[in-house]
PDB file of N, CA and C in Angstrom:
ATOM      1  N   GLN A   1      80.054  80.925  74.400  1.00  0.00           N
ATOM      2  CA  GLN A   1      80.319  79.809  75.477  1.00  0.00           C
ATOM      3  C   GLN A   1      81.468  80.305  76.398  1.00  0.00           C
ATOM      4  N   VAL A   2      81.230  80.754  77.353  1.00  0.00           N
ATOM      5  CA  VAL A   2      82.625  80.954  78.265  1.00  0.00           C
ATOM      6  C   VAL A   2      83.448  79.920  78.439  1.00  0.00           C
ATOM      7  N   GLN A   3      84.610  80.138  78.179  1.00  0.00           N
ATOM      8  CA  GLN A   3      85.687  78.743  78.438  1.00  0.00           C
ATOM      9  C   GLN A   3      87.228  79.331  78.709  1.00  0.00           C
ATOM     10  N   LEU A   4      87.650  78.645  79.702  1.00  0.00           N
ATOM     11  CA  LEU A   4      89.083  79.109  79.947  1.00  0.00           C
ATOM     12  C   LEU A   4      89.734  77.674  79.921  1.00  0.00           C
ATOM     13  N   VAL A   5      90.885  77.680  79.031  1.00  0.00           N
ATOM     14  CA  VAL A   5      91.734  76.553  78.766  1.00  0.00           C
ATOM     15  C   VAL A   5      92.898  76.841  78.882  1.00  0.00           C
ATOM     16  N   GLU A   6      93.523  75.754  80.283  1.00  0.00           N
ATOM     17  CA  GLU A   6      94.871  76.003  80.450  1.00  0.00           C
ATOM     18  C   GLU A   6      95.867  75.034  79.773  1.00  0.00           C
ATOM     19  N   SER A   7      96.917  75.182  79.468  1.00  0.00           N
ATOM     20  CA  SER A   7      97.978  74.570  78.805  1.00  0.00           C
ATOM     21  C   SER A   7      99.515  74.399  79.590  1.00  0.00           C
ATOM     22  N   GLY A   8     100.427  73.777  79.272  1.00  0.00           N
ATOM     23  CA  GLY A   8     101.857  74.098  79.529  1.00  0.00           C
ATOM     24  C   GLY A   8     102.091  73.122  80.797  1.00  0.00           C
ATOM     25  N   GLY A   9     101.331  72.512  81.713  1.00  0.00           N
ATOM     26  CA  GLY A   9     101.622  71.616  82.460  1.00  0.00           C
ATOM     27  C   GLY A   9     102.633  70.319  81.980  1.00  0.00           C
ATOM     28  N   GLY A  10     102.919  69.603  83.053  1.00  0.00           N
ATOM     29  CA  GLY A  10     103.888  68.525  82.681  1.00  0.00           C
ATOM     30  C   GLY A  10     104.561  67.984  83.867  1.00  0.00           C
ATOM     31  N   LEU A  11     105.714  67.252  83.370  1.00  0.00           N
ATOM     32  CA  LEU A  11     106.701  66.605  84.545  1.00  0.00           C
ATOM     33  C   LEU A  11     107.973  67.530  84.278  1.00  0.00           C
ATOM     34  N   VAL A  12     108.204  67.845  85.589  1.00  0.00           N
ATOM     35  CA  VAL A  12     109.505  68.646  85.730  1.00  0.00           C
ATOM     36  C   VAL A  12     110.471  68.160  86.906  1.00  0.00           C
ATOM     37  N   GLN A  13     111.699  68.311  86.659  1.00  0.00           N
ATOM     38  CA  GLN A  13     112.523  67.907  87.664  1.00  0.00           C
ATOM     39  C   GLN A  13     112.718  69.272  88.941  1.00  0.00           C
ATOM     40  N   PRO A  14     113.128  68.795  90.242  1.00  0.00           N
ATOM     41  CA  PRO A  14     112.974  69.911  91.039  1.00  0.00           C
ATOM     42  C   PRO A  14     113.988  71.012  90.434  1.00  0.00           C
ATOM     43  N   GLY A  15     113.690  72.413  90.769  1.00  0.00           N
ATOM     44  CA  GLY A  15     114.669  73.448  90.402  1.00  0.00           C
ATOM     45  C   GLY A  15     114.169  73.962  88.836  1.00  0.00           C
ATOM     46  N   GLY A  16     113.468  73.243  88.404  1.00  0.00           N
ATOM     47  CA  GLY A  16     113.114  73.410  86.640  1.00  0.00           C
ATOM     48  C   GLY A  16     111.911  74.490  86.619  1.00  0.00           C
ATOM     49  N   SER A  17     111.671  74.958  85.385  1.00  0.00           N
ATOM     50  CA  SER A  17     110.808  75.628  85.366  1.00  0.00           C
ATOM     51  C   SER A  17     109.453  75.351  84.330  1.00  0.00           C
ATOM     52  N   LEU A  18     108.241  75.923  84.311  1.00  0.00           N
ATOM     53  CA  LEU A  18     107.174  75.701  83.531  1.00  0.00           C
ATOM     54  C   LEU A  18     106.463  76.999  83.307  1.00  0.00           C
ATOM     55  N   ARG A  19     105.734  77.177  82.114  1.00  0.00           N
ATOM     56  CA  ARG A  19     105.065  78.280  82.011  1.00  0.00           C
ATOM     57  C   ARG A  19     103.404  77.855  81.547  1.00  0.00           C
ATOM     58  N   LEU A  20     102.560  78.315  82.461  1.00  0.00           N
ATOM     59  CA  LEU A  20     101.151  77.543  82.299  1.00  0.00           C
ATOM     60  C   LEU A  20     100.735  79.265  81.426  1.00  0.00           C
ATOM     61  N   SER A  21      99.828  78.668  80.636  1.00  0.00           N
ATOM     62  CA  SER A  21      99.022  79.334  79.800  1.00  0.00           C
ATOM     63  C   SER A  21      97.482  79.316  80.016  1.00  0.00           C
ATOM     64  N   CYS A  22      96.735  80.269  79.820  1.00  0.00           N
ATOM     65  CA  CYS A  22      95.482  80.193  80.318  1.00  0.00           C
ATOM     66  C   CYS A  22      94.490  81.262  79.064  1.00  0.00           C
ATOM     67  N   ALA A  23      94.087  80.529  78.014  1.00  0.00           N
ATOM     68  CA  ALA A  23      93.349  80.836  77.102  1.00  0.00           C
ATOM     69  C   ALA A  23      91.989  81.133  77.249  1.00  0.00           C
ATOM     70  N   ALA A  24      91.418  82.400  76.984  1.00  0.00           N
ATOM     71  CA  ALA A  24      89.895  82.599  77.349  1.00  0.00           C
ATOM     72  C   ALA A  24      89.112  82.519  75.857  1.00  0.00           C
ATOM     73  N   SER A  25      87.898  81.958  75.803  1.00  0.00           N
ATOM     74  CA  SER A  25      87.261  82.081  74.396  1.00  0.00           C
ATOM     75  C   SER A  25      85.743  82.527  74.944  1.00  0.00           C
ATOM     76  N   GLY A  26      85.116  83.007  74.153  1.00  0.00           N
ATOM     77  CA  GLY A  26      83.597  83.398  74.435  1.00  0.00           C
ATOM     78  C   GLY A  26      83.362  84.599  75.328  1.00  0.00           C
ATOM     79  N   PHE A  27      84.735  85.418  75.694  1.00  0.00           N
ATOM     80  CA  PHE A  27      84.618  86.484  76.370  1.00  0.00           C
ATOM     81  C   PHE A  27      85.890  87.243  76.293  1.00  0.00           C
ATOM     82  N   THR A  28      86.074  88.555  76.592  1.00  0.00           N
ATOM     83  CA  THR A  28      87.320  88.997  76.617  1.00  0.00           C
ATOM     84  C   THR A  28      87.955  89.437  77.955  1.00  0.00           C
ATOM     85  N   LEU A  29      89.187  89.008  78.197  1.00  0.00           N
ATOM     86  CA  LEU A  29      89.585  89.350  79.515  1.00  0.00           C
ATOM     87  C   LEU A  29      89.876  90.569  80.036  1.00  0.00           C
ATOM     88  N   ASP A  30      89.615  91.644  78.991  1.00  0.00           N
ATOM     89  CA  ASP A  30      90.069  92.951  79.428  1.00  0.00           C
ATOM     90  C   ASP A  30      89.521  93.447  80.813  1.00  0.00           C
ATOM     91  N   TYR A  31      88.331  92.737  80.817  1.00  0.00           N
ATOM     92  CA  TYR A  31      87.641  93.455  82.043  1.00  0.00           C
ATOM     93  C   TYR A  31      87.632  92.291  83.353  1.00  0.00           C
ATOM     94  N   TYR A  32      88.264  91.575  83.234  1.00  0.00           N
ATOM     95  CA  TYR A  32      88.350  90.172  84.390  1.00  0.00           C
ATOM     96  C   TYR A  32      89.469  90.143  84.881  1.00  0.00           C
ATOM     97  N   ALA A  33      89.408  90.016  86.164  1.00  0.00           N
ATOM     98  CA  ALA A  33      90.632  89.761  87.100  1.00  0.00           C
ATOM     99  C   ALA A  33      90.710  88.294  86.891  1.00  0.00           C
ATOM    100  N   ILE A  34      92.195  87.441  86.820  1.00  0.00           N
ATOM    101  CA  ILE A  34      92.472  86.334  86.706  1.00  0.00           C
ATOM    102  C   ILE A  34      93.367  86.132  87.673  1.00  0.00           C
ATOM    103  N   GLY A  35      92.997  84.677  88.114  1.00  0.00           N
ATOM    104  CA  GLY A  35      93.770  83.929  88.955  1.00  0.00           C
ATOM    105  C   GLY A  35      94.262  82.614  88.755  1.00  0.00           C
ATOM    106  N   TRP A  36      95.275  82.328  89.333  1.00  0.00           N
ATOM    107  CA  TRP A  36      95.786  81.046  89.315  1.00  0.00           C
ATOM    108  C   TRP A  36      95.748  80.351  90.875  1.00  0.00           C
ATOM    109  N   PHE A  37      94.949  78.834  90.691  1.00  0.00           N
ATOM    110  CA  PHE A  37      94.620  78.160  91.788  1.00  0.00           C
ATOM    111  C   PHE A  37      95.263  77.063  91.735  1.00  0.00           C
ATOM    112  N   ARG A  38      95.488  76.225  92.683  1.00  0.00           N
ATOM    113  CA  ARG A  38      96.024  74.807  92.886  1.00  0.00           C
ATOM    114  C   ARG A  38      95.630  74.021  93.928  1.00  0.00           C
ATOM    115  N   GLN A  39      95.584  72.610  93.375  1.00  0.00           N
ATOM    116  CA  GLN A  39      94.741  71.805  94.352  1.00  0.00           C
ATOM    117  C   GLN A  39      95.723  70.530  94.260  1.00  0.00           C
ATOM    118  N   ALA A  40      96.401  70.143  95.414  1.00  0.00           N
ATOM    119  CA  ALA A  40      97.122  68.891  95.565  1.00  0.00           C
ATOM    120  C   ALA A  40      96.339  67.725  96.145  1.00  0.00           C
ATOM    121  N   PRO A  41      96.795  66.776  95.960  1.00  0.00           N
ATOM    122  CA  PRO A  41      95.831  65.451  96.443  1.00  0.00           C
ATOM    123  C   PRO A  41      95.660  65.744  98.023  1.00  0.00           C
ATOM    124  N   GLY A  42      94.486  65.483  98.451  1.00  0.00           N
ATOM    125  CA  GLY A  42      94.267  65.572  99.794  1.00  0.00           C
ATOM    126  C   GLY A  42      94.319  66.954 100.540  1.00  0.00           C
ATOM    127  N   LYS A  43      94.504  67.957  99.712  1.00  0.00           N
ATOM    128  CA  LYS A  43      94.648  69.270 100.194  1.00  0.00           C
ATOM    129  C   LYS A  43      93.519  70.165  99.602  1.00  0.00           C
ATOM    130  N   GLU A  44      93.186  71.143 100.277  1.00  0.00           N
ATOM    131  CA  GLU A  44      92.194  72.196  99.808  1.00  0.00           C
ATOM    132  C   GLU A  44      92.626  73.081  98.656  1.00  0.00           C
ATOM    133  N   ARG A  45      91.843  73.662  97.791  1.00  0.00           N
ATOM    134  CA  ARG A  45      92.377  74.406  96.758  1.00  0.00           C
ATOM    135  C   ARG A  45      92.731  75.610  96.987  1.00  0.00           C
ATOM    136  N   GLU A  46      93.916  76.052  96.559  1.00  0.00           N
ATOM    137  CA  GLU A  46      94.570  77.454  97.251  1.00  0.00           C
ATOM    138  C   GLU A  46      95.032  78.266  96.106  1.00  0.00           C
ATOM    139  N   GLY A  47      94.701  79.757  96.438  1.00  0.00           N
ATOM    140  CA  GLY A  47      94.759  80.774  95.358  1.00  0.00           C
ATOM    141  C   GLY A  47      96.494  80.660  95.444  1.00  0.00           C
ATOM    142  N   VAL A  48      97.301  80.907  94.277  1.00  0.00           N
ATOM    143  CA  VAL A  48      98.587  80.901  93.880  1.00  0.00           C
ATOM    144  C   VAL A  48      99.048  82.367  93.792  1.00  0.00           C
ATOM    145  N   SER A  49      98.177  82.994  92.389  1.00  0.00           N
ATOM    146  CA  SER A  49      98.449  84.260  92.146  1.00  0.00           C
ATOM    147  C   SER A  49      97.153  84.865  91.507  1.00  0.00           C
ATOM    148  N   CYS A  50      97.038  86.042  91.408  1.00  0.00           N
ATOM    149  CA  CYS A  50      96.039  86.792  90.993  1.00  0.00           C
ATOM    150  C   CYS A  50      96.296  88.185  90.325  1.00  0.00           C
ATOM    151  N   ILE A  51      95.702  88.286  89.368  1.00  0.00           N
ATOM    152  CA  ILE A  51      96.276  89.930  88.407  1.00  0.00           C
ATOM    153  C   ILE A  51      94.845  90.414  88.156  1.00  0.00           C
ATOM    154  N   SER A  52      94.907  91.632  88.623  1.00  0.00           N
ATOM    155  CA  SER A  52      93.901  92.840  88.130  1.00  0.00           C
ATOM    156  C   SER A  52      93.842  92.891  86.595  1.00  0.00           C
ATOM    157  N   SER A  53      92.782  93.483  86.155  1.00  0.00           N
ATOM    158  CA  SER A  53      92.774  94.179  84.751  1.00  0.00           C
ATOM    159  C   SER A  53      92.791  95.631  84.837  1.00  0.00           C
ATOM    160  N   SER A  54      92.181  96.162  85.833  1.00  0.00           N
ATOM    161  CA  SER A  54      92.014  97.510  86.110  1.00  0.00           C
ATOM    162  C   SER A  54      93.222  98.312  86.066  1.00  0.00           C
ATOM    163  N   ASP A  55      94.321  97.754  87.133  1.00  0.00           N
ATOM    164  CA  ASP A  55      95.464  98.427  87.191  1.00  0.00           C
ATOM    165  C   ASP A  55      96.714  97.641  87.476  1.00  0.00           C
ATOM    166  N   GLY A  56      96.419  96.543  86.910  1.00  0.00           N
ATOM    167  CA  GLY A  56      97.644  95.433  87.193  1.00  0.00           C
ATOM    168  C   GLY A  56      98.216  94.690  88.355  1.00  0.00           C
ATOM    169  N   SER A  57      97.442  95.179  89.367  1.00  0.00           N
ATOM    170  CA  SER A  57      98.136  94.505  90.627  1.00  0.00           C
ATOM    171  C   SER A  57      97.845  93.185  90.649  1.00  0.00           C
ATOM    172  N   THR A  58      99.120  92.801  91.259  1.00  0.00           N
ATOM    173  CA  THR A  58      99.050  91.313  91.636  1.00  0.00           C
ATOM    174  C   THR A  58      99.394  91.045  93.168  1.00  0.00           C
ATOM    175  N   TYR A  59      98.736  89.707  93.186  1.00  0.00           N
ATOM    176  CA  TYR A  59      98.983  88.940  94.422  1.00  0.00           C
ATOM    177  C   TYR A  59      99.595  87.747  94.462  1.00  0.00           C
ATOM    178  N   TYR A  60     100.549  87.342  95.115  1.00  0.00           N
ATOM    179  CA  TYR A  60     101.136  85.973  95.403  1.00  0.00           C
ATOM    180  C   TYR A  60     101.309  85.391  96.591  1.00  0.00           C
ATOM    181  N   ALA A  61     100.841  83.956  96.662  1.00  0.00           N
ATOM    182  CA  ALA A  61     100.861  83.163  98.121  1.00  0.00           C
ATOM    183  C   ALA A  61     102.476  83.197  98.428  1.00  0.00           C
ATOM    184  N   ASP A  62     102.353  83.100  99.606  1.00  0.00           N
ATOM    185  CA  ASP A  62     103.951  83.275 100.223  1.00  0.00           C
ATOM    186  C   ASP A  62     104.577  82.157  99.888  1.00  0.00           C
ATOM    187  N   SER A  63     104.036  80.920  99.653  1.00  0.00           N
ATOM    188  CA  SER A  63     104.671  79.687  99.284  1.00  0.00           C
ATOM    189  C   SER A  63     105.269  80.025  97.590  1.00  0.00           C
ATOM    190  N   VAL A  64     104.622  80.993  96.925  1.00  0.00           N
ATOM    191  CA  VAL A  64     105.326  81.133  95.645  1.00  0.00           C
ATOM    192  C   VAL A  64     106.062  82.603  95.436  1.00  0.00           C
ATOM    193  N   LYS A  65     105.898  83.221  96.074  1.00  0.00           N
ATOM    194  CA  LYS A  65     106.435  84.567  95.848  1.00  0.00           C
ATOM    195  C   LYS A  65     108.122  84.661  95.571  1.00  0.00           C
ATOM    196  N   GLY A  66     108.154  85.314  94.809  1.00  0.00           N
ATOM    197  CA  GLY A  66     109.582  85.213  94.285  1.00  0.00           C
ATOM    198  C   GLY A  66     110.384  84.231  93.251  1.00  0.00           C
ATOM    199  N   ARG A  67     109.353  83.207  93.057  1.00  0.00           N
ATOM    200  CA  ARG A  67     109.422  82.038  92.248  1.00  0.00           C
ATOM    201  C   ARG A  67     108.404  81.928  91.054  1.00  0.00           C
ATOM    202  N   PHE A  68     107.315  82.353  91.245  1.00  0.00           N
ATOM    203  CA  PHE A  68     106.351  82.514  90.102  1.00  0.00           C
ATOM    204  C   PHE A  68     106.115  84.126  90.048  1.00  0.00           C
ATOM    205  N   THR A  69     105.545  84.070  88.554  1.00  0.00           N
ATOM    206  CA  THR A  69     105.404  85.574  87.749  1.00  0.00           C
ATOM    207  C   THR A  69     104.155  85.575  87.231  1.00  0.00           C
ATOM    208  N   ILE A  70     103.072  86.054  87.387  1.00  0.00           N
ATOM    209  CA  ILE A  70     101.880  86.132  86.601  1.00  0.00           C
ATOM    210  C   ILE A  70     101.854  87.385  85.776  1.00  0.00           C
ATOM    211  N   SER A  71     101.263  87.246  84.570  1.00  0.00           N
ATOM    212  CA  SER A  71     101.242  88.112  83.429  1.00  0.00           C
ATOM    213  C   SER A  71      99.890  87.940  82.665  1.00  0.00           C
ATOM    214  N   ARG A  72      99.699  88.939  81.956  1.00  0.00           N
ATOM    215  CA  ARG A  72      98.539  88.810  80.927  1.00  0.00           C
ATOM    216  C   ARG A  72      99.027  89.305  79.739  1.00  0.00           C
ATOM    217  N   ASP A  73      98.343  88.969  78.463  1.00  0.00           N
ATOM    218  CA  ASP A  73      98.299  89.592  77.193  1.00  0.00           C
ATOM    219  C   ASP A  73      96.898  89.751  76.733  1.00  0.00           C
ATOM    220  N   ASN A  74      96.562  90.726  76.992  1.00  0.00           N
ATOM    221  CA  ASN A  74      94.981  90.995  76.428  1.00  0.00           C
ATOM    222  C   ASN A  74      94.852  90.771  75.142  1.00  0.00           C
ATOM    223  N   ALA A  75      95.819  91.269  74.435  1.00  0.00           N
ATOM    224  CA  ALA A  75      95.660  91.210  72.742  1.00  0.00           C
ATOM    225  C   ALA A  75      95.463  89.742  72.547  1.00  0.00           C
ATOM    226  N   LYS A  76      95.822  88.935  73.487  1.00  0.00           N
ATOM    227  CA  LYS A  76      96.084  87.345  73.106  1.00  0.00           C
ATOM    228  C   LYS A  76      94.789  86.720  73.890  1.00  0.00           C
ATOM    229  N   ASN A  77      94.385  87.427  74.674  1.00  0.00           N
ATOM    230  CA  ASN A  77      93.370  86.877  75.596  1.00  0.00           C
ATOM    231  C   ASN A  77      93.705  85.935  76.402  1.00  0.00           C
ATOM    232  N   THR A  78      95.064  85.930  76.773  1.00  0.00           N
ATOM    233  CA  THR A  78      95.747  85.105  77.605  1.00  0.00           C
ATOM    234  C   THR A  78      96.487  85.207  78.700  1.00  0.00           C
ATOM    235  N   VAL A  79      96.427  84.721  79.717  1.00  0.00           N
ATOM    236  CA  VAL A  79      97.095  85.131  80.836  1.00  0.00           C
ATOM    237  C   VAL A  79      98.029  83.741  81.232  1.00  0.00           C
ATOM    238  N   TYR A  80      99.478  84.206  81.860  1.00  0.00           N
ATOM    239  CA  TYR A  80     100.367  83.329  82.153  1.00  0.00           C
ATOM    240  C   TYR A  80     100.818  83.249  83.219  1.00  0.00           C
ATOM    241  N   LEU A  81     101.381  81.893  83.773  1.00  0.00           N
ATOM    242  CA  LEU A  81     102.131  81.780  84.981  1.00  0.00           C
ATOM    243  C   LEU A  81     103.369  80.934  84.795  1.00  0.00           C
ATOM    244  N   GLN A  82     104.495  82.003  84.800  1.00  0.00           N
ATOM    245  CA  GLN A  82     105.746  81.488  84.764  1.00  0.00           C
ATOM    246  C   GLN A  82     106.178  81.256  86.221  1.00  0.00           C
ATOM    247  N   MET A  83     106.702  79.509  85.986  1.00  0.00           N
ATOM    248  CA  MET A  83     106.901  79.238  87.535  1.00  0.00           C
ATOM    249  C   MET A  83     108.439  78.752  87.663  1.00  0.00           C
ATOM    250  N   ASN A  84     109.214  79.184  88.392  1.00  0.00           N
ATOM    251  CA  ASN A  84     110.697  78.968  88.349  1.00  0.00           C
ATOM    252  C   ASN A  84     110.895  78.303  89.660  1.00  0.00           C
ATOM    253  N   SER A  85     112.034  77.702  89.672  1.00  0.00           N
ATOM    254  CA  SER A  85     112.690  77.059  91.103  1.00  0.00           C
ATOM    255  C   SER A  85     111.639  76.107  91.664  1.00  0.00           C
ATOM    256  N   LEU A  86     110.898  75.385  90.716  1.00  0.00           N
ATOM    257  CA  LEU A  86     109.956  74.315  91.202  1.00  0.00           C
ATOM    258  C   LEU A  86     110.266  73.646  92.156  1.00  0.00           C
ATOM    259  N   LYS A  87     109.305  73.099  93.170  1.00  0.00           N
ATOM    260  CA  LYS A  87     109.533  72.225  94.231  1.00  0.00           C
ATOM    261  C   LYS A  87     108.520  71.224  94.356  1.00  0.00           C
ATOM    262  N   PRO A  88     109.058  69.961  94.705  1.00  0.00           N
ATOM    263  CA  PRO A  88     108.223  68.895  94.716  1.00  0.00           C
ATOM    264  C   PRO A  88     106.620  69.164  95.326  1.00  0.00           C
ATOM    265  N   GLU A  89     106.810  70.199  96.528  1.00  0.00           N
ATOM    266  CA  GLU A  89     105.670  70.654  96.976  1.00  0.00           C
ATOM    267  C   GLU A  89     104.628  71.493  96.178  1.00  0.00           C
ATOM    268  N   ASP A  90     105.068  72.077  94.960  1.00  0.00           N
ATOM    269  CA  ASP A  90     104.253  72.714  93.845  1.00  0.00           C
ATOM    270  C   ASP A  90     103.581  71.637  93.362  1.00  0.00           C
ATOM    271  N   THR A  91     103.573  70.582  93.174  1.00  0.00           N
ATOM    272  CA  THR A  91     102.745  69.385  92.505  1.00  0.00           C
ATOM    273  C   THR A  91     101.278  69.296  92.962  1.00  0.00           C
ATOM    274  N   ALA A  92     100.652  69.705  91.948  1.00  0.00           N
ATOM    275  CA  ALA A  92      99.286  69.904  91.988  1.00  0.00           C
ATOM    276  C   ALA A  92      98.656  70.094  90.673  1.00  0.00           C
ATOM    277  N   VAL A  93      97.460  69.839  90.478  1.00  0.00           N
ATOM    278  CA  VAL A  93      96.421  70.431  89.346  1.00  0.00           C
ATOM    279  C   VAL A  93      96.176  72.154  89.732  1.00  0.00           C
ATOM    280  N   TYR A  94      96.616  72.667  88.328  1.00  0.00           N
ATOM    281  CA  TYR A  94      96.640  74.286  88.614  1.00  0.00           C
ATOM    282  C   TYR A  94      95.316  74.614  87.621  1.00  0.00           C
ATOM    283  N   TYR A  95      94.507  75.739  88.175  1.00  0.00           N
ATOM    284  CA  TYR A  95      93.575  76.058  87.479  1.00  0.00           C
ATOM    285  C   TYR A  95      93.392  77.493  87.361  1.00  0.00           C
ATOM    286  N   CYS A  96      93.093  78.011  86.113  1.00  0.00           N
ATOM    287  CA  CYS A  96      93.054  79.425  86.019  1.00  0.00           C
ATOM    288  C   CYS A  96      91.394  79.917  86.312  1.00  0.00           C
ATOM    289  N   ALA A  97      91.088  80.968  86.834  1.00  0.00           N
ATOM    290  CA  ALA A  97      89.892  81.394  87.217  1.00  0.00           C
ATOM    291  C   ALA A  97      89.694  82.980  86.763  1.00  0.00           C
ATOM    292  N   ALA A  98      88.426  83.316  86.537  1.00  0.00           N
ATOM    293  CA  ALA A  98      88.066  84.764  86.399  1.00  0.00           C
ATOM    294  C   ALA A  98      86.885  85.254  87.112  1.00  0.00           C
ATOM    295  N   ALA A  99      86.996  86.482  87.442  1.00  0.00           N
ATOM    296  CA  ALA A  99      85.854  87.254  87.964  1.00  0.00           C
ATOM    297  C   ALA A  99      86.050  88.722  87.466  1.00  0.00           C
ATOM    298  N   PRO A 100      84.763  89.196  87.166  1.00  0.00           N
ATOM    299  CA  PRO A 100      84.704  90.524  86.508  1.00  0.00           C
ATOM    300  C   PRO A 100      85.695  91.419  87.565  1.00  0.00           C
ATOM    301  N   ASP A 101      86.267  92.231  87.045  1.00  0.00           N
ATOM    302  CA  ASP A 101      87.340  93.256  87.601  1.00  0.00           C
ATOM    303  C   ASP A 101      86.305  94.195  88.693  1.00  0.00           C
ATOM    304  N   ARG A 102      85.345  94.629  88.152  1.00  0.00           N
ATOM    305  CA  ARG A 102      84.252  95.500  89.085  1.00  0.00           C
ATOM    306  C   ARG A 102      83.850  94.787  90.014  1.00  0.00           C
ATOM    307  N   LEU A 103      84.071  93.674  90.206  1.00  0.00           N
ATOM    308  CA  LEU A 103      83.475  92.782  91.570  1.00  0.00           C
ATOM    309  C   LEU A 103      84.629  92.427  92.308  1.00  0.00           C
ATOM    310  N   VAL A 104      85.866  92.599  91.972  1.00  0.00           N
ATOM    311  CA  VAL A 104      87.018  92.206  92.657  1.00  0.00           C
ATOM    312  C   VAL A 104      87.671  93.539  93.468  1.00  0.00           C
ATOM    313  N   ALA A 105      87.463  93.217  94.861  1.00  0.00           N
ATOM    314  CA  ALA A 105      87.772  94.560  95.875  1.00  0.00           C
ATOM    315  C   ALA A 105      89.336  94.506  95.622  1.00  0.00           C
ATOM    316  N   THR A 106      90.012  93.482  95.949  1.00  0.00           N
ATOM    317  CA  THR A 106      91.400  93.292  95.656  1.00  0.00           C
ATOM    318  C   THR A 106      91.720  91.899  95.293  1.00  0.00           C
ATOM    319  N   VAL A 107      92.824  91.961  94.448  1.00  0.00           N
ATOM    320  CA  VAL A 107      93.340  90.458  93.871  1.00  0.00           C
ATOM    321  C   VAL A 107      93.616  89.663  95.243  1.00  0.00           C
ATOM    322  N   GLN A 108      94.347  90.278  96.022  1.00  0.00           N
ATOM    323  CA  GLN A 108      94.458  89.381  97.611  1.00  0.00           C
ATOM    324  C   GLN A 108      93.269  88.897  97.872  1.00  0.00           C
ATOM    325  N   ALA A 109      92.056  89.425  98.044  1.00  0.00           N
ATOM    326  CA  ALA A 109      90.724  88.724  98.253  1.00  0.00           C
ATOM    327  C   ALA A 109      90.356  87.776  97.189  1.00  0.00           C
ATOM    328  N   MET A 110      90.470  87.958  96.016  1.00  0.00           N
ATOM    329  CA  MET A 110      89.997  87.040  94.961  1.00  0.00           C
ATOM    330  C   MET A 110      90.688  86.061  95.356  1.00  0.00           C
ATOM    331  N   CYS A 111      91.983  85.857  95.437  1.00  0.00           N
ATOM    332  CA  CYS A 111      93.082  84.739  95.624  1.00  0.00           C
ATOM    333  C   CYS A 111      92.659  83.874  97.031  1.00  0.00           C
ATOM    334  N   VAL A 112      92.652  84.650  97.990  1.00  0.00           N
ATOM    335  CA  VAL A 112      92.450  84.126  99.421  1.00  0.00           C
ATOM    336  C   VAL A 112      91.255  83.519  99.856  1.00  0.00           C
ATOM    337  N   MET A 113      89.997  84.170  99.021  1.00  0.00           N
ATOM    338  CA  MET A 113      88.732  83.597  99.339  1.00  0.00           C
ATOM    339  C   MET A 113      88.361  83.056  97.998  1.00  0.00           C
ATOM    340  N   THR A 114      88.910  82.955  96.985  1.00  0.00           N
ATOM    341  CA  THR A 114      88.483  82.300  95.779  1.00  0.00           C
ATOM    342  C   THR A 114      87.159  82.829  95.213  1.00  0.00           C
ATOM    343  N   LEU A 115      87.213  84.092  94.897  1.00  0.00           N
ATOM    344  CA  LEU A 115      86.023  84.904  94.677  1.00  0.00           C
ATOM    345  C   LEU A 115      86.005  84.855  93.301  1.00  0.00           C
ATOM    346  N   VAL A 116      85.703  83.816  92.599  1.00  0.00           N
ATOM    347  CA  VAL A 116      85.676  83.706  91.096  1.00  0.00           C
ATOM    348  C   VAL A 116      84.293  83.332  90.468  1.00  0.00           C
ATOM    349  N   ASN A 117      83.923  83.535  89.025  1.00  0.00           N
ATOM    350  CA  ASN A 117      82.967  83.300  88.554  1.00  0.00           C
ATOM    351  C   ASN A 117      83.252  81.863  87.344  1.00  0.00           C
ATOM    352  N   TYR A 118      84.200  81.962  87.089  1.00  0.00           N
ATOM    353  CA  TYR A 118      84.340  80.903  85.971  1.00  0.00           C
ATOM    354  C   TYR A 118      85.830  80.252  85.830  1.00  0.00           C
ATOM    355  N   TRP A 119      85.890  78.912  85.824  1.00  0.00           N
ATOM    356  CA  TRP A 119      86.941  78.169  86.242  1.00  0.00           C
ATOM    357  C   TRP A 119      87.387  77.505  84.788  1.00  0.00           C
ATOM    358  N   GLY A 120      88.570  77.103  84.711  1.00  0.00           N
ATOM    359  CA  GLY A 120      88.981  76.191  83.661  1.00  0.00           C
ATOM    360  C   GLY A 120      89.301  74.852  84.045  1.00  0.00           C
ATOM    361  N   GLN A 121      89.462  73.813  83.475  1.00  0.00           N
ATOM    362  CA  GLN A 121      89.561  72.610  83.357  1.00  0.00           C
ATOM    363  C   GLN A 121      90.558  71.858  84.295  1.00  0.00           C
ATOM    364  N   GLY A 122      91.589  72.490  84.344  1.00  0.00           N
ATOM    365  CA  GLY A 122      92.952  72.302  85.085  1.00  0.00           C
ATOM    366  C   GLY A 122      94.239  71.609  84.340  1.00  0.00           C
ATOM    367  N   THR A 123      95.331  71.865  84.550  1.00  0.00           N
ATOM    368  CA  THR A 123      96.487  71.446  84.219  1.00  0.00           C
ATOM    369  C   THR A 123      97.389  70.696  85.230  1.00  0.00           C
ATOM    370  N   GLN A 124      97.630  69.367  84.929  1.00  0.00           N
ATOM    371  CA  GLN A 124      98.540  68.836  85.875  1.00  0.00           C
ATOM    372  C   GLN A 124      99.955  69.330  86.050  1.00  0.00           C
ATOM    373  N   VAL A 125     100.422  69.646  87.020  1.00  0.00           N
ATOM    374  CA  VAL A 125     102.015  69.797  87.134  1.00  0.00           C
ATOM    375  C   VAL A 125     102.587  69.199  88.197  1.00  0.00           C
ATOM    376  N   THR A 126     103.510  68.268  87.803  1.00  0.00           N
ATOM    377  CA  THR A 126     104.173  67.005  88.676  1.00  0.00           C
ATOM    378  C   THR A 126     105.751  67.775  88.835  1.00  0.00           C
ATOM    379  N   VAL A 127     106.126  67.893  89.911  1.00  0.00           N
ATOM    380  CA  VAL A 127     107.753  68.124  90.211  1.00  0.00           C
ATOM    381  C   VAL A 127     108.292  67.080  90.625  1.00  0.00           C
ATOM    382  N   SER A 128     109.119  66.204  90.285  1.00  0.00           N
ATOM    383  CA  SER A 128     109.554  65.049  90.875  1.00  0.00           C
ATOM    384  C   SER A 128     111.072  64.763  90.235  1.00  0.00           C
ATOM    385  N   SER A 129     111.867  64.155  90.851  1.00  0.00           N
ATOM    386  CA  SER A 129     113.241  63.724  90.212  1.00  0.00           C
ATOM    387  C   SER A 129     113.010  62.244  89.830  1.00  0.00           C
TER     388      SER A 129
END
């Protein structure tokens, strides 16, 4: 059974940091592009960051560029999102998602157009003082 499980969310003060993890089971991430998406209350889901498997290329939304870093450890079948300098507007449910690398033209397209095949259940991130 294909499954993506996120962890690492929580409550953090503005300026703080969190690291989200996305662990895959039932399939290997070696051949999948992975993305982190988020959805805040009353807003549409948006692509935050995506990473390719084939060449390691990455994409970041302008709102998180310079603050968030996506990385992957294929040996652990896990992808991470390091979030620094968090702002209240980063508050959202964060989801990881996967798509076969061969079907992903660019990671920017994956993130912007939400071109994914599998979703995790999400993890809440709340940035508040």
